[in-house]
Amino acid sequence: MNAEAPDASVETPADPGRIVLLTASHRVAPGLLSWPAWQTLHAADRVLVTDPDHPQLPYLREAGVRVEHSVPSADELVADCAGGRTVVVLVGGEGDSRLTDGLARLGGSGRVAMPDLELLPGSYDLPGARLLDLVQVMDRIRRTCPWTSRKTHRGLAKYAIEEAYELVEAIEDGDRDELREELGDVLLQVVFHARIAEEGRPEDGEEPFAIDDVAGGLVEKLIHRHPHVFGDETAETPEDVHAHWLRTKAIEKQRTSVTEGVPLGQPGLALAAKLASRVRTAGLDVPLPTAGPTGDPIGYELLALAVRAEADGADPEAALRAAARAYRDAIVAAEGGAG
């Protein structure tokens, strides 16, 4: 039995082709595209860009990719792909909702043979990429906001302290959402001060520096103080790491006293514990002072308690704060009972 020949009058559906929406992060330098993106661009039958000022344009042209400025409708784009053609559309990092919505409507209608639709990221944000946005936003606010543009280092100092305390409170409360927000507020202080320092105003210190100088100095410090990570030293325990840290820090600072670098403006219990820690680490034998005949003994008693807490591995400031919180809860309960 012979098989029947195919009916020549029946047309085989044409290959509907392929649409590639190529995105690239604005936080990555233009021209730094992934290898799959470059392969797709060179192999495409047509490359379109909807923005005539797209930052990738000069680099694509330099690489020999022919790019046309066009704002096609969804119908036009589908028709252009007929016959197995590949059309690449360069869109912004946020995509092109006009085009994608139109393609979705066509596909949902069931009346059109739709091309394959592919979203191809040409570049990705690296960890920390949003910090670039933060620097850019801070720069604009500093230049245009009447309040922000007048602030100085001294004028902002109190906010750094307030934000640090709010961060500690979020940590102690165990509130993750609050922790994320307060970390952002502390980060804002760093970026704000660095932006002010960039201007080199006499009232803020004439030698200018920028956020990159701050970050660069921190990177160098971390590498230098972690020779067991970035160098040939070894550290098997946290105590070994702490010893490395103290040794390299001592070489850097060349201090003449263990008390140098201890801010005297910090809360009293934290100050007492820090001094006690320096004394213990240095192996010094320094008796605690006692109140004189006219001195208030309470301060000296608190000093002794703080030193004892530090020796026991406790943070006296945090301990007192926890006790004060419990006292606050008791006050609130008493108020409720009285009511």
C-alpha atoms as a PDB file:
ATOM      1  CA  MET A   1       0.000   0.000   0.000  1.00  0.00           C
ATOM      2  CA  ASN A   2       1.587   3.222  -1.156  1.00  0.00           C
ATOM      3  CA  ALA A   3       1.694   6.222   1.133  1.00  0.00           C
ATOM      4  CA  GLU A   4      -0.078   9.220  -0.248  1.00  0.00           C
ATOM      5  CA  ALA A   5       2.050  12.193  -1.245  1.00  0.00           C
ATOM      6  CA  PRO A   6       1.595  15.332   0.838  1.00  0.00           C
ATOM      7  CA  ASP A   7      -1.035  17.687  -0.459  1.00  0.00           C
ATOM      8  CA  ALA A   8       0.889  20.545  -2.023  1.00  0.00           C
ATOM      9  CA  SER A   9      -2.104  22.801  -1.523  1.00  0.00           C
ATOM     10  CA  VAL A  10      -1.718  22.663   2.280  1.00  0.00           C
ATOM     11  CA  GLU A  11       0.777  25.364   3.433  1.00  0.00           C
ATOM     12  CA  THR A  12       3.169  24.645   6.276  1.00  0.00           C
ATOM     13  CA  PRO A  13       2.936  27.428   8.881  1.00  0.00           C
ATOM     14  CA  ALA A  14       5.895  29.785   8.620  1.00  0.00           C
ATOM     15  CA  ASP A  15       8.370  29.949  11.504  1.00  0.00           C
ATOM     16  CA  PRO A  16       7.106  32.897  13.603  1.00  0.00           C
ATOM     17  CA  GLY A  17      10.672  33.793  14.605  1.00  0.00           C
ATOM     18  CA  ARG A  18      12.052  35.185  17.820  1.00  0.00           C
ATOM     19  CA  ILE A  19      11.875  38.448  19.756  1.00  0.00           C
ATOM     20  CA  VAL A  20      14.687  39.214  22.216  1.00  0.00           C
ATOM     21  CA  LEU A  21      14.258  42.040  24.700  1.00  0.00           C
ATOM     22  CA  LEU A  22      17.799  42.964  25.735  1.00  0.00           C
ATOM     23  CA  THR A  23      18.214  44.804  29.026  1.00  0.00           C
ATOM     24  CA  ALA A  24      21.334  46.230  30.652  1.00  0.00           C
ATOM     25  CA  SER A  25      21.870  47.642  34.123  1.00  0.00           C
ATOM     26  CA  HIS A  26      22.558  51.367  34.250  1.00  0.00           C
ATOM     27  CA  ARG A  27      24.848  50.609  37.195  1.00  0.00           C
ATOM     28  CA  VAL A  28      27.286  48.766  34.927  1.00  0.00           C
ATOM     29  CA  ALA A  29      29.472  50.705  32.481  1.00  0.00           C
ATOM     30  CA  PRO A  30      27.983  50.730  28.947  1.00  0.00           C
ATOM     31  CA  GLY A  31      29.581  48.240  26.580  1.00  0.00           C
ATOM     32  CA  LEU A  32      30.216  45.682  29.314  1.00  0.00           C
ATOM     33  CA  LEU A  33      27.705  43.114  28.085  1.00  0.00           C
ATOM     34  CA  SER A  34      27.627  39.373  28.634  1.00  0.00           C
ATOM     35  CA  TRP A  35      28.925  37.013  25.957  1.00  0.00           C
ATOM     36  CA  PRO A  36      25.407  35.614  25.224  1.00  0.00           C
ATOM     37  CA  ALA A  37      24.237  39.201  24.669  1.00  0.00           C
ATOM     38  CA  TRP A  38      27.037  39.914  22.170  1.00  0.00           C
ATOM     39  CA  GLN A  39      26.372  36.619  20.368  1.00  0.00           C
ATOM     40  CA  THR A  40      22.676  37.412  20.066  1.00  0.00           C
ATOM     41  CA  LEU A  41      23.337  40.943  18.830  1.00  0.00           C
ATOM     42  CA  HIS A  42      25.722  39.814  16.096  1.00  0.00           C
ATOM     43  CA  ALA A  43      23.467  36.968  14.956  1.00  0.00           C
ATOM     44  CA  ALA A  44      20.205  38.968  14.913  1.00  0.00           C
ATOM     45  CA  ASP A  45      18.476  39.852  11.670  1.00  0.00           C
ATOM     46  CA  ARG A  46      17.547  43.238  13.065  1.00  0.00           C
ATOM     47  CA  VAL A  47      18.505  45.240  16.183  1.00  0.00           C
ATOM     48  CA  LEU A  48      16.199  48.035  17.295  1.00  0.00           C
ATOM     49  CA  VAL A  49      16.517  50.695  19.960  1.00  0.00           C
ATOM     50  CA  THR A  50      13.597  52.802  21.130  1.00  0.00           C
ATOM     51  CA  ASP A  51      15.765  55.496  22.733  1.00  0.00           C
ATOM     52  CA  PRO A  52      18.025  57.394  20.311  1.00  0.00           C
ATOM     53  CA  ASP A  53      20.293  58.308  23.264  1.00  0.00           C
ATOM     54  CA  HIS A  54      20.613  54.772  24.625  1.00  0.00           C
ATOM     55  CA  PRO A  55      24.020  54.565  26.392  1.00  0.00           C
ATOM     56  CA  GLN A  56      24.884  51.264  24.671  1.00  0.00           C
ATOM     57  CA  LEU A  57      24.608  52.707  21.140  1.00  0.00           C
ATOM     58  CA  PRO A  58      28.196  53.956  20.642  1.00  0.00           C
ATOM     59  CA  TYR A  59      29.636  50.654  21.831  1.00  0.00           C
ATOM     60  CA  LEU A  60      27.349  48.523  19.673  1.00  0.00           C
ATOM     61  CA  ARG A  61      28.216  50.526  16.584  1.00  0.00           C
ATOM     62  CA  GLU A  62      31.903  50.313  17.421  1.00  0.00           C
ATOM     63  CA  ALA A  63      31.505  46.525  17.636  1.00  0.00           C
ATOM     64  CA  GLY A  64      29.965  46.436  14.151  1.00  0.00           C
ATOM     65  CA  VAL A  65      26.353  45.900  15.239  1.00  0.00           C
ATOM     66  CA  ARG A  66      23.886  47.762  12.996  1.00  0.00           C
ATOM     67  CA  VAL A  67      21.257  49.369  15.218  1.00  0.00           C
ATOM     68  CA  GLU A  68      18.100  51.107  14.010  1.00  0.00           C
ATOM     69  CA  HIS A  69      16.140  53.678  15.991  1.00  0.00           C
ATOM     70  CA  SER A  70      12.514  52.496  15.889  1.00  0.00           C
ATOM     71  CA  VAL A  71       9.477  52.374  18.167  1.00  0.00           C
ATOM     72  CA  PRO A  72       7.522  49.447  16.688  1.00  0.00           C
ATOM     73  CA  SER A  73       4.077  48.353  17.827  1.00  0.00           C
ATOM     74  CA  ALA A  74       3.580  44.786  18.975  1.00  0.00           C
ATOM     75  CA  ASP A  75       1.902  43.918  15.642  1.00  0.00           C
ATOM     76  CA  GLU A  76       4.770  45.387  13.635  1.00  0.00           C
ATOM     77  CA  LEU A  77       7.344  43.539  15.684  1.00  0.00           C
ATOM     78  CA  VAL A  78       5.567  40.196  15.299  1.00  0.00           C
ATOM     79  CA  ALA A  79       5.234  40.720  11.544  1.00  0.00           C
ATOM     80  CA  ASP A  80       8.934  41.571  11.291  1.00  0.00           C
ATOM     81  CA  CYS A  81       9.856  38.220  12.851  1.00  0.00           C
ATOM     82  CA  ALA A  82       7.866  36.152  10.354  1.00  0.00           C
ATOM     83  CA  GLY A  83       9.917  33.606   8.464  1.00  0.00           C
ATOM     84  CA  GLY A  84      12.161  32.688  11.378  1.00  0.00           C
ATOM     85  CA  ARG A  85      13.817  36.069  11.794  1.00  0.00           C
ATOM     86  CA  THR A  86      15.316  37.211  15.115  1.00  0.00           C
ATOM     87  CA  VAL A  87      14.687  40.800  16.166  1.00  0.00           C
ATOM     88  CA  VAL A  88      16.493  42.240  19.194  1.00  0.00           C
ATOM     89  CA  VAL A  89      15.020  45.246  20.972  1.00  0.00           C
ATOM     90  CA  LEU A  90      17.224  47.222  23.372  1.00  0.00           C
ATOM     91  CA  VAL A  91      15.104  48.361  26.287  1.00  0.00           C
ATOM     92  CA  GLY A  92      15.898  50.166  29.518  1.00  0.00           C
ATOM     93  CA  GLY A  93      16.656  48.450  32.766  1.00  0.00           C
ATOM     94  CA  GLU A  94      12.994  48.654  33.749  1.00  0.00           C
ATOM     95  CA  GLY A  95      11.847  47.046  30.495  1.00  0.00           C
ATOM     96  CA  ASP A  96       9.259  48.361  28.028  1.00  0.00           C
ATOM     97  CA  SER A  97       5.749  47.841  29.407  1.00  0.00           C
ATOM     98  CA  ARG A  98       4.122  49.315  26.288  1.00  0.00           C
ATOM     99  CA  LEU A  99       5.702  46.672  24.095  1.00  0.00           C
ATOM    100  CA  THR A 100       5.399  43.731  26.477  1.00  0.00           C
ATOM    101  CA  ASP A 101       1.737  44.527  27.231  1.00  0.00           C
ATOM    102  CA  GLY A 102       1.013  44.676  23.510  1.00  0.00           C
ATOM    103  CA  LEU A 103       2.731  41.331  22.909  1.00  0.00           C
ATOM    104  CA  ALA A 104       0.776  39.803  25.799  1.00  0.00           C
ATOM    105  CA  ARG A 105      -2.516  40.974  24.279  1.00  0.00           C
ATOM    106  CA  LEU A 106      -1.605  39.521  20.891  1.00  0.00           C
ATOM    107  CA  GLY A 107      -0.585  36.205  22.409  1.00  0.00           C
ATOM    108  CA  GLY A 108      -3.747  36.021  24.469  1.00  0.00           C
ATOM    109  CA  SER A 109      -5.967  36.628  21.460  1.00  0.00           C
ATOM    110  CA  GLY A 110      -5.084  33.271  19.888  1.00  0.00           C
ATOM    111  CA  ARG A 111      -5.304  34.823  16.403  1.00  0.00           C
ATOM    112  CA  VAL A 112      -1.581  35.282  15.813  1.00  0.00           C
ATOM    113  CA  ALA A 113       1.283  32.808  15.605  1.00  0.00           C
ATOM    114  CA  MET A 114       3.522  34.398  18.189  1.00  0.00           C
ATOM    115  CA  PRO A 115       7.323  34.459  17.970  1.00  0.00           C
ATOM    116  CA  ASP A 116       9.363  33.068  20.825  1.00  0.00           C
ATOM    117  CA  LEU A 117       9.807  35.857  23.367  1.00  0.00           C
ATOM    118  CA  GLU A 118      13.031  36.001  25.357  1.00  0.00           C
ATOM    119  CA  LEU A 119      14.173  38.464  28.012  1.00  0.00           C
ATOM    120  CA  LEU A 120      17.981  38.578  27.903  1.00  0.00           C
ATOM    121  CA  PRO A 121      19.819  40.519  30.630  1.00  0.00           C
ATOM    122  CA  GLY A 122      22.954  41.884  29.001  1.00  0.00           C
ATOM    123  CA  SER A 123      24.493  42.883  32.329  1.00  0.00           C
ATOM    124  CA  TYR A 124      23.690  42.217  35.953  1.00  0.00           C
ATOM    125  CA  ASP A 125      23.936  44.260  39.111  1.00  0.00           C
ATOM    126  CA  LEU A 126      26.779  43.156  41.339  1.00  0.00           C
ATOM    127  CA  PRO A 127      26.272  43.023  45.124  1.00  0.00           C
ATOM    128  CA  GLY A 128      26.353  46.573  46.417  1.00  0.00           C
ATOM    129  CA  ALA A 129      25.202  48.068  43.123  1.00  0.00           C
ATOM    130  CA  ARG A 130      22.403  50.033  44.803  1.00  0.00           C
ATOM    131  CA  LEU A 131      25.060  51.933  46.731  1.00  0.00           C
ATOM    132  CA  LEU A 132      25.795  53.700  43.436  1.00  0.00           C
ATOM    133  CA  ASP A 133      22.170  54.864  43.365  1.00  0.00           C
ATOM    134  CA  LEU A 134      22.515  56.084  46.935  1.00  0.00           C
ATOM    135  CA  VAL A 135      25.588  58.169  46.087  1.00  0.00           C
ATOM    136  CA  GLN A 136      23.812  59.643  43.060  1.00  0.00           C
ATOM    137  CA  VAL A 137      20.653  60.491  45.006  1.00  0.00           C
ATOM    138  CA  MET A 138      22.669  62.026  47.855  1.00  0.00           C
ATOM    139  CA  ASP A 139      24.578  64.178  45.374  1.00  0.00           C
ATOM    140  CA  ARG A 140      21.375  65.543  43.845  1.00  0.00           C
ATOM    141  CA  ILE A 141      19.788  66.243  47.227  1.00  0.00           C
ATOM    142  CA  ARG A 142      22.927  68.015  48.433  1.00  0.00           C
ATOM    143  CA  ARG A 143      22.868  70.273  45.382  1.00  0.00           C
ATOM    144  CA  THR A 144      19.158  71.125  45.323  1.00  0.00           C
ATOM    145  CA  CYS A 145      17.576  70.681  48.775  1.00  0.00           C
ATOM    146  CA  PRO A 146      17.487  73.930  50.820  1.00  0.00           C
ATOM    147  CA  TRP A 147      17.952  72.051  54.124  1.00  0.00           C
ATOM    148  CA  THR A 148      20.495  69.441  53.045  1.00  0.00           C
ATOM    149  CA  SER A 149      22.654  71.866  51.081  1.00  0.00           C
ATOM    150  CA  ARG A 150      23.366  73.946  54.190  1.00  0.00           C
ATOM    151  CA  LYS A 151      24.336  71.153  56.577  1.00  0.00           C
ATOM    152  CA  THR A 152      27.884  70.821  57.959  1.00  0.00           C
ATOM    153  CA  HIS A 153      29.729  68.024  59.717  1.00  0.00           C
ATOM    154  CA  ARG A 154      29.161  69.681  63.092  1.00  0.00           C
ATOM    155  CA  GLY A 155      25.504  70.285  62.369  1.00  0.00           C
ATOM    156  CA  LEU A 156      24.965  66.625  61.559  1.00  0.00           C
ATOM    157  CA  ALA A 157      27.009  65.159  64.427  1.00  0.00           C
ATOM    158  CA  LYS A 158      24.066  64.675  66.798  1.00  0.00           C
ATOM    159  CA  TYR A 159      22.130  62.725  64.173  1.00  0.00           C
ATOM    160  CA  ALA A 160      24.926  60.169  63.869  1.00  0.00           C
ATOM    161  CA  ILE A 161      24.647  59.482  67.602  1.00  0.00           C
ATOM    162  CA  GLU A 162      20.850  59.294  67.486  1.00  0.00           C
ATOM    163  CA  GLU A 163      20.839  56.909  64.527  1.00  0.00           C
ATOM    164  CA  ALA A 164      23.440  54.674  66.190  1.00  0.00           C
ATOM    165  CA  TYR A 165      21.267  54.391  69.310  1.00  0.00           C
ATOM    166  CA  GLU A 166      18.200  53.613  67.210  1.00  0.00           C
ATOM    167  CA  LEU A 167      20.169  50.886  65.453  1.00  0.00           C
ATOM    168  CA  VAL A 168      21.149  49.366  68.807  1.00  0.00           C
ATOM    169  CA  GLU A 169      17.510  49.463  69.906  1.00  0.00           C
ATOM    170  CA  ALA A 170      16.406  47.654  66.734  1.00  0.00           C
ATOM    171  CA  ILE A 171      19.037  44.968  67.358  1.00  0.00           C
ATOM    172  CA  GLU A 172      17.953  44.497  70.973  1.00  0.00           C
ATOM    173  CA  ASP A 173      14.272  44.374  69.961  1.00  0.00           C
ATOM    174  CA  GLY A 174      14.995  41.707  67.342  1.00  0.00           C
ATOM    175  CA  ASP A 175      12.891  43.562  64.757  1.00  0.00           C
ATOM    176  CA  ARG A 176      14.323  42.679  61.324  1.00  0.00           C
ATOM    177  CA  ASP A 177      12.356  45.311  59.416  1.00  0.00           C
ATOM    178  CA  GLU A 178      13.391  47.984  61.882  1.00  0.00           C
ATOM    179  CA  LEU A 179      16.987  46.743  61.729  1.00  0.00           C
ATOM    180  CA  ARG A 180      17.077  47.113  57.955  1.00  0.00           C
ATOM    181  CA  GLU A 181      15.684  50.646  58.152  1.00  0.00           C
ATOM    182  CA  GLU A 182      18.053  51.756  60.908  1.00  0.00           C
ATOM    183  CA  LEU A 183      21.064  50.343  59.074  1.00  0.00           C
ATOM    184  CA  GLY A 184      19.984  52.524  56.160  1.00  0.00           C
ATOM    185  CA  ASP A 185      19.788  55.569  58.413  1.00  0.00           C
ATOM    186  CA  VAL A 186      23.307  54.940  59.713  1.00  0.00           C
ATOM    187  CA  LEU A 187      24.534  54.451  56.148  1.00  0.00           C
ATOM    188  CA  LEU A 188      22.905  57.756  55.222  1.00  0.00           C
ATOM    189  CA  GLN A 189      25.062  59.511  57.807  1.00  0.00           C
ATOM    190  CA  VAL A 190      28.215  58.049  56.237  1.00  0.00           C
ATOM    191  CA  VAL A 191      27.230  59.028  52.698  1.00  0.00           C
ATOM    192  CA  PHE A 192      26.032  62.475  53.814  1.00  0.00           C
ATOM    193  CA  HIS A 193      29.273  63.320  55.628  1.00  0.00           C
ATOM    194  CA  ALA A 194      31.354  62.010  52.714  1.00  0.00           C
ATOM    195  CA  ARG A 195      29.379  64.191  50.282  1.00  0.00           C
ATOM    196  CA  ILE A 196      29.996  67.268  52.445  1.00  0.00           C
ATOM    197  CA  ALA A 197      33.703  66.433  52.690  1.00  0.00           C
ATOM    198  CA  GLU A 198      33.883  66.261  48.897  1.00  0.00           C
ATOM    199  CA  GLU A 199      33.289  70.023  48.725  1.00  0.00           C
ATOM    200  CA  GLY A 200      36.293  70.938  50.881  1.00  0.00           C
ATOM    201  CA  ARG A 201      34.586  73.869  52.577  1.00  0.00           C
ATOM    202  CA  PRO A 202      36.759  75.697  55.154  1.00  0.00           C
ATOM    203  CA  GLU A 203      34.165  75.211  57.924  1.00  0.00           C
ATOM    204  CA  ASP A 204      34.161  71.447  57.281  1.00  0.00           C
ATOM    205  CA  GLY A 205      37.870  70.967  56.765  1.00  0.00           C
ATOM    206  CA  GLU A 206      39.593  72.199  53.629  1.00  0.00           C
ATOM    207  CA  GLU A 207      41.120  68.914  52.433  1.00  0.00           C
ATOM    208  CA  PRO A 208      38.378  67.302  50.305  1.00  0.00           C
ATOM    209  CA  PHE A 209      37.691  63.593  50.069  1.00  0.00           C
ATOM    210  CA  ALA A 210      34.815  61.538  48.657  1.00  0.00           C
ATOM    211  CA  ILE A 211      32.922  58.357  49.465  1.00  0.00           C
ATOM    212  CA  ASP A 212      35.393  56.335  47.370  1.00  0.00           C
ATOM    213  CA  ASP A 213      38.213  57.549  49.608  1.00  0.00           C
ATOM    214  CA  VAL A 214      36.245  56.446  52.661  1.00  0.00           C
ATOM    215  CA  ALA A 215      35.516  53.019  51.178  1.00  0.00           C
ATOM    216  CA  GLY A 216      39.070  52.643  49.861  1.00  0.00           C
ATOM    217  CA  GLY A 217      40.594  53.398  53.249  1.00  0.00           C
ATOM    218  CA  LEU A 218      38.267  50.920  54.907  1.00  0.00           C
ATOM    219  CA  VAL A 219      39.145  48.198  52.393  1.00  0.00           C
ATOM    220  CA  GLU A 220      42.865  48.737  52.995  1.00  0.00           C
ATOM    221  CA  LYS A 221      42.369  48.641  56.762  1.00  0.00           C
ATOM    222  CA  LEU A 222      40.337  45.413  56.657  1.00  0.00           C
ATOM    223  CA  ILE A 223      42.874  43.679  54.432  1.00  0.00           C
ATOM    224  CA  HIS A 224      45.802  44.831  56.551  1.00  0.00           C
ATOM    225  CA  ARG A 225      44.150  43.757  59.805  1.00  0.00           C
ATOM    226  CA  HIS A 226      43.195  40.313  58.469  1.00  0.00           C
ATOM    227  CA  PRO A 227      46.553  38.816  57.450  1.00  0.00           C
ATOM    228  CA  HIS A 228      45.105  35.362  58.169  1.00  0.00           C
ATOM    229  CA  VAL A 229      42.598  35.939  55.338  1.00  0.00           C
ATOM    230  CA  PHE A 230      44.592  37.993  52.820  1.00  0.00           C
ATOM    231  CA  GLY A 231      48.155  37.093  53.818  1.00  0.00           C
ATOM    232  CA  ASP A 232      50.349  34.287  55.107  1.00  0.00           C
ATOM    233  CA  GLU A 233      49.362  34.424  58.776  1.00  0.00           C
ATOM    234  CA  THR A 234      47.210  31.737  60.373  1.00  0.00           C
ATOM    235  CA  ALA A 235      44.393  32.065  62.889  1.00  0.00           C
ATOM    236  CA  GLU A 236      42.523  29.052  64.213  1.00  0.00           C
ATOM    237  CA  THR A 237      40.486  30.701  66.966  1.00  0.00           C
ATOM    238  CA  PRO A 238      38.706  34.008  67.551  1.00  0.00           C
ATOM    239  CA  GLU A 239      41.429  34.800  70.098  1.00  0.00           C
ATOM    240  CA  ASP A 240      44.074  34.428  67.373  1.00  0.00           C
ATOM    241  CA  VAL A 241      42.136  36.834  65.162  1.00  0.00           C
ATOM    242  CA  HIS A 242      41.812  39.338  67.998  1.00  0.00           C
ATOM    243  CA  ALA A 243      45.555  39.154  68.633  1.00  0.00           C
ATOM    244  CA  HIS A 244      46.267  39.829  64.939  1.00  0.00           C
ATOM    245  CA  TRP A 245      43.893  42.784  65.037  1.00  0.00           C
ATOM    246  CA  LEU A 246      45.464  44.337  68.117  1.00  0.00           C
ATOM    247  CA  ARG A 247      48.996  43.810  66.834  1.00  0.00           C
ATOM    248  CA  THR A 248      48.404  45.409  63.438  1.00  0.00           C
ATOM    249  CA  LYS A 249      46.348  48.210  64.986  1.00  0.00           C
ATOM    250  CA  ALA A 250      49.159  49.009  67.427  1.00  0.00           C
ATOM    251  CA  ILE A 251      51.637  49.217  64.546  1.00  0.00           C
ATOM    252  CA  GLU A 252      49.312  51.508  62.583  1.00  0.00           C
ATOM    253  CA  LYS A 253      48.466  53.889  65.407  1.00  0.00           C
ATOM    254  CA  GLN A 254      51.851  54.055  67.217  1.00  0.00           C
ATOM    255  CA  ARG A 255      50.053  55.173  70.379  1.00  0.00           C
ATOM    256  CA  THR A 256      51.878  56.274  73.507  1.00  0.00           C
ATOM    257  CA  SER A 257      48.996  55.352  75.819  1.00  0.00           C
ATOM    258  CA  VAL A 258      46.404  52.576  75.845  1.00  0.00           C
ATOM    259  CA  THR A 259      43.784  55.251  76.455  1.00  0.00           C
ATOM    260  CA  GLU A 260      44.362  56.922  73.077  1.00  0.00           C
ATOM    261  CA  GLY A 261      41.446  56.447  70.727  1.00  0.00           C
ATOM    262  CA  VAL A 262      38.926  55.950  73.537  1.00  0.00           C
ATOM    263  CA  PRO A 263      36.208  58.618  73.054  1.00  0.00           C
ATOM    264  CA  LEU A 264      35.538  60.270  76.397  1.00  0.00           C
ATOM    265  CA  GLY A 265      32.160  61.543  75.226  1.00  0.00           C
ATOM    266  CA  GLN A 266      30.559  58.095  75.164  1.00  0.00           C
ATOM    267  CA  PRO A 267      28.145  56.958  77.913  1.00  0.00           C
ATOM    268  CA  GLY A 268      29.798  56.476  81.288  1.00  0.00           C
ATOM    269  CA  LEU A 269      29.381  52.716  81.666  1.00  0.00           C
ATOM    270  CA  ALA A 270      30.615  52.061  78.132  1.00  0.00           C
ATOM    271  CA  LEU A 271      33.584  54.379  78.748  1.00  0.00           C
ATOM    272  CA  ALA A 272      34.500  52.610  81.989  1.00  0.00           C
ATOM    273  CA  ALA A 273      34.261  49.172  80.326  1.00  0.00           C
ATOM    274  CA  LYS A 274      36.402  50.302  77.378  1.00  0.00           C
ATOM    275  CA  LEU A 275      39.122  51.648  79.640  1.00  0.00           C
ATOM    276  CA  ALA A 276      39.053  48.436  81.675  1.00  0.00           C
ATOM    277  CA  SER A 277      39.384  46.402  78.493  1.00  0.00           C
ATOM    278  CA  ARG A 278      42.425  48.421  77.384  1.00  0.00           C
ATOM    279  CA  VAL A 279      44.052  47.982  80.795  1.00  0.00           C
ATOM    280  CA  ARG A 280      43.407  44.234  80.855  1.00  0.00           C
ATOM    281  CA  THR A 281      44.652  43.727  77.276  1.00  0.00           C
ATOM    282  CA  ALA A 282      47.836  45.693  78.015  1.00  0.00           C
ATOM    283  CA  GLY A 283      48.483  43.658  81.168  1.00  0.00           C
ATOM    284  CA  LEU A 284      48.620  46.766  83.353  1.00  0.00           C
ATOM    285  CA  ASP A 285      47.905  46.771  87.079  1.00  0.00           C
ATOM    286  CA  VAL A 286      45.981  49.967  87.717  1.00  0.00           C
ATOM    287  CA  PRO A 287      44.007  50.138  90.986  1.00  0.00           C
ATOM    288  CA  LEU A 288      40.545  51.624  90.716  1.00  0.00           C
ATOM    289  CA  PRO A 289      40.264  55.137  92.143  1.00  0.00           C
ATOM    290  CA  THR A 290      38.101  55.662  95.201  1.00  0.00           C
ATOM    291  CA  ALA A 291      36.025  58.640  96.149  1.00  0.00           C
ATOM    292  CA  GLY A 292      37.708  61.375  98.123  1.00  0.00           C
ATOM    293  CA  PRO A 293      36.284  62.845 101.319  1.00  0.00           C
ATOM    294  CA  THR A 294      34.019  65.207  99.399  1.00  0.00           C
ATOM    295  CA  GLY A 295      33.527  63.066  96.306  1.00  0.00           C
ATOM    296  CA  ASP A 296      30.265  61.284  95.435  1.00  0.00           C
ATOM    297  CA  PRO A 297      30.882  57.548  95.976  1.00  0.00           C
ATOM    298  CA  ILE A 298      28.155  56.464  93.550  1.00  0.00           C
ATOM    299  CA  GLY A 299      30.264  57.192  90.466  1.00  0.00           C
ATOM    300  CA  TYR A 300      33.161  55.132  91.805  1.00  0.00           C
ATOM    301  CA  GLU A 301      30.836  52.294  92.744  1.00  0.00           C
ATOM    302  CA  LEU A 302      29.449  52.309  89.203  1.00  0.00           C
ATOM    303  CA  LEU A 303      33.005  52.321  87.871  1.00  0.00           C
ATOM    304  CA  ALA A 304      33.837  49.234  89.902  1.00  0.00           C
ATOM    305  CA  LEU A 305      30.671  47.481  88.689  1.00  0.00           C
ATOM    306  CA  ALA A 306      31.487  48.330  85.066  1.00  0.00           C
ATOM    307  CA  VAL A 307      35.053  46.998  85.429  1.00  0.00           C
ATOM    308  CA  ARG A 308      33.755  43.811  87.036  1.00  0.00           C
ATOM    309  CA  ALA A 309      31.195  43.324  84.249  1.00  0.00           C
ATOM    310  CA  GLU A 310      33.853  43.787  81.564  1.00  0.00           C
ATOM    311  CA  ALA A 311      36.115  41.243  83.277  1.00  0.00           C
ATOM    312  CA  ASP A 312      33.192  38.780  83.302  1.00  0.00           C
ATOM    313  CA  GLY A 313      32.620  39.290  79.562  1.00  0.00           C
ATOM    314  CA  ALA A 314      29.431  41.339  79.960  1.00  0.00           C
ATOM    315  CA  ASP A 315      28.582  44.701  78.411  1.00  0.00           C
ATOM    316  CA  PRO A 316      27.576  46.907  81.356  1.00  0.00           C
ATOM    317  CA  GLU A 317      25.908  49.466  79.110  1.00  0.00           C
ATOM    318  CA  ALA A 318      23.717  46.798  77.493  1.00  0.00           C
ATOM    319  CA  ALA A 319      23.040  45.189  80.854  1.00  0.00           C
ATOM    320  CA  LEU A 320      21.863  48.465  82.390  1.00  0.00           C
ATOM    321  CA  ARG A 321      19.768  49.175  79.310  1.00  0.00           C
ATOM    322  CA  ALA A 322      18.100  45.751  79.613  1.00  0.00           C
ATOM    323  CA  ALA A 323      17.366  46.387  83.280  1.00  0.00           C
ATOM    324  CA  ALA A 324      15.957  49.813  82.414  1.00  0.00           C
ATOM    325  CA  ARG A 325      13.680  48.227  79.800  1.00  0.00           C
ATOM    326  CA  ALA A 326      12.382  45.819  82.414  1.00  0.00           C
ATOM    327  CA  TYR A 327      11.812  48.775  84.719  1.00  0.00           C
ATOM    328  CA  ARG A 328       9.932  50.584  81.947  1.00  0.00           C
ATOM    329  CA  ASP A 329       7.682  47.540  81.439  1.00  0.00           C
ATOM    330  CA  ALA A 330       6.978  47.447  85.156  1.00  0.00           C
ATOM    331  CA  ILE A 331       6.053  51.154  85.093  1.00  0.00           C
ATOM    332  CA  VAL A 332       3.677  50.606  82.185  1.00  0.00           C
ATOM    333  CA  ALA A 333       2.098  47.639  84.013  1.00  0.00           C
ATOM    334  CA  ALA A 334       1.691  49.739  87.158  1.00  0.00           C
ATOM    335  CA  GLU A 335       0.068  52.531  85.178  1.00  0.00           C
ATOM    336  CA  GLY A 336      -2.354  50.043  83.671  1.00  0.00           C
ATOM    337  CA  GLY A 337      -3.232  48.657  87.106  1.00  0.00           C
ATOM    338  CA  ALA A 338      -3.758  52.124  88.511  1.00  0.00           C
ATOM    339  CA  GLY A 339      -6.012  52.957  85.583  1.00  0.00           C
END
